[in-house]
Protein backbone atom coordinates (compact mmCIF):
# COMPACT_ATOMS: atom_id res chain seq x y z
CA MET A 1 -63.95 -5.96 69.49
CA ASN A 2 -60.55 -7.34 70.21
CA SER A 3 -58.25 -5.16 72.24
CA VAL A 4 -55.07 -3.66 70.73
CA SER A 5 -51.81 -3.77 72.57
CA SER A 6 -50.78 -0.24 73.57
CA ASP A 7 -47.04 -1.09 73.51
CA LYS A 8 -46.59 0.33 69.99
CA PRO A 9 -48.86 2.42 67.91
CA ILE A 10 -50.51 1.06 64.85
CA VAL A 11 -49.78 2.94 61.70
CA TYR A 12 -52.32 2.68 58.82
CA VAL A 13 -51.18 3.69 55.32
CA LEU A 14 -54.23 4.32 53.32
CA ASP A 15 -54.35 5.01 49.59
CA ASN A 16 -57.76 6.85 49.42
CA ALA A 17 -59.63 3.98 47.88
CA SER A 18 -63.32 4.46 48.33
CA TYR A 19 -63.54 1.58 50.86
CA HIS A 20 -60.98 3.33 53.03
CA HIS A 21 -63.52 6.15 53.38
CA SER A 22 -66.37 3.87 54.09
CA LYS A 23 -68.28 4.33 57.42
CA GLN A 24 -66.87 1.00 58.66
CA SER A 25 -63.26 2.03 57.96
CA GLU A 26 -63.61 5.45 59.43
CA ALA A 27 -65.32 4.05 62.50
CA MET A 28 -62.42 1.64 63.02
CA ILE A 29 -59.82 4.40 62.57
CA ALA A 30 -61.76 6.48 65.13
CA TYR A 31 -62.11 3.59 67.46
CA TYR A 32 -58.36 3.10 67.63
CA GLU A 33 -57.35 6.77 67.37
CA ASP A 34 -55.63 6.74 70.75
CA SER A 35 -53.32 3.83 69.77
CA SER A 36 -52.99 4.39 66.04
CA TRP A 37 -52.11 6.90 63.36
CA ALA A 38 -53.48 7.06 59.84
CA TYR A 39 -51.23 8.20 57.03
CA TRP A 40 -53.11 9.09 53.87
CA LEU A 41 -51.33 8.79 50.57
CA PRO A 42 -52.07 11.43 47.96
CA PRO A 43 -55.13 10.60 45.81
CA TYR A 44 -52.95 9.00 43.15
CA CYS A 45 -49.21 8.64 43.67
CA SER A 46 -47.71 5.70 41.84
CA ASP A 47 -44.24 6.59 43.24
CA LEU A 48 -45.47 5.65 46.77
CA ASN A 49 -47.34 2.58 45.65
CA PRO A 50 -44.75 -0.20 45.09
CA ILE A 51 -47.16 -2.48 43.22
CA GLU A 52 -47.46 0.16 40.46
CA ARG A 53 -43.68 -0.46 39.69
CA PHE A 54 -44.34 -4.14 39.39
CA TRP A 55 -47.44 -3.65 37.12
CA LYS A 56 -45.13 -1.56 34.75
CA HIS A 57 -42.49 -4.38 34.87
CA LEU A 58 -45.18 -6.97 34.08
CA LYS A 59 -46.61 -4.92 31.22
CA ASP A 60 -43.21 -4.14 29.75
CA LEU A 61 -42.22 -7.86 29.70
CA ALA A 62 -45.63 -9.40 28.79
CA CYS A 63 -47.48 -6.98 26.67
CA ALA A 64 -45.69 -3.87 25.51
CA ASN A 65 -44.97 -3.55 21.89
CA ARG A 66 -46.49 -6.89 20.98
CA LEU A 67 -49.42 -7.87 18.85
CA TYR A 68 -51.13 -11.03 19.96
CA GLN A 69 -53.53 -13.10 17.90
CA ASP A 70 -55.92 -13.76 20.79
CA ILE A 71 -56.32 -13.22 24.56
CA SER A 72 -54.98 -16.64 25.38
CA GLU A 73 -51.58 -15.58 24.03
CA VAL A 74 -51.64 -12.49 26.29
CA VAL A 75 -52.59 -14.56 29.32
CA ASN A 76 -49.77 -17.11 28.54
CA SER A 77 -47.25 -14.22 28.31
CA VAL A 78 -48.39 -12.80 31.64
CA VAL A 79 -48.24 -16.31 33.21
CA ASN A 80 -44.61 -16.79 31.89
CA VAL A 81 -43.62 -13.44 33.42
CA LEU A 82 -45.22 -14.36 36.76
CA ILE A 83 -43.44 -17.78 36.67
CA ALA A 84 -40.05 -15.98 36.03
CA GLN A 85 -40.86 -13.63 38.96
CA ASN A 86 -41.10 -16.66 41.28
CA ASP A 87 -37.80 -18.07 40.08
CA PHE A 88 -35.07 -16.67 42.23
CA ASP A 89 -32.49 -17.29 39.54
CA SER A 90 -34.38 -15.59 36.76
CA SER A 91 -32.78 -12.48 35.12
CA GLU A 92 -36.21 -11.05 34.49
CA ARG A 93 -37.23 -11.10 38.16
CA PHE A 94 -38.38 -7.76 39.47
CA LEU A 95 -36.88 -6.75 42.88
CA PHE A 96 -38.08 -3.92 45.02
CA GLN A 97 -35.12 -2.02 46.45
CA SER A 98 -35.17 0.67 49.00
CA ILE A 99 -34.14 4.07 47.86
């Protein structure tokens, strides 16, 4: 196993996904317990998971309150929102801001 620098502690922020509780993950956390700290998020806490805010933004722009004829229209709508997300000048771009 590679060594970890002891200059600064490693902080793991874990969201209670099943693989974070696997034997391999728990063994890794235990192996580095002297130089790291594990912070467990509550079982489900969308306020602490930034991607949840983006999924809401994506759903609101691409799918909410719309009736599509077929799945390809849904996919195209999602793709258009993602293209706008990558356009720095787009007014529909979602930005994470610190509170």
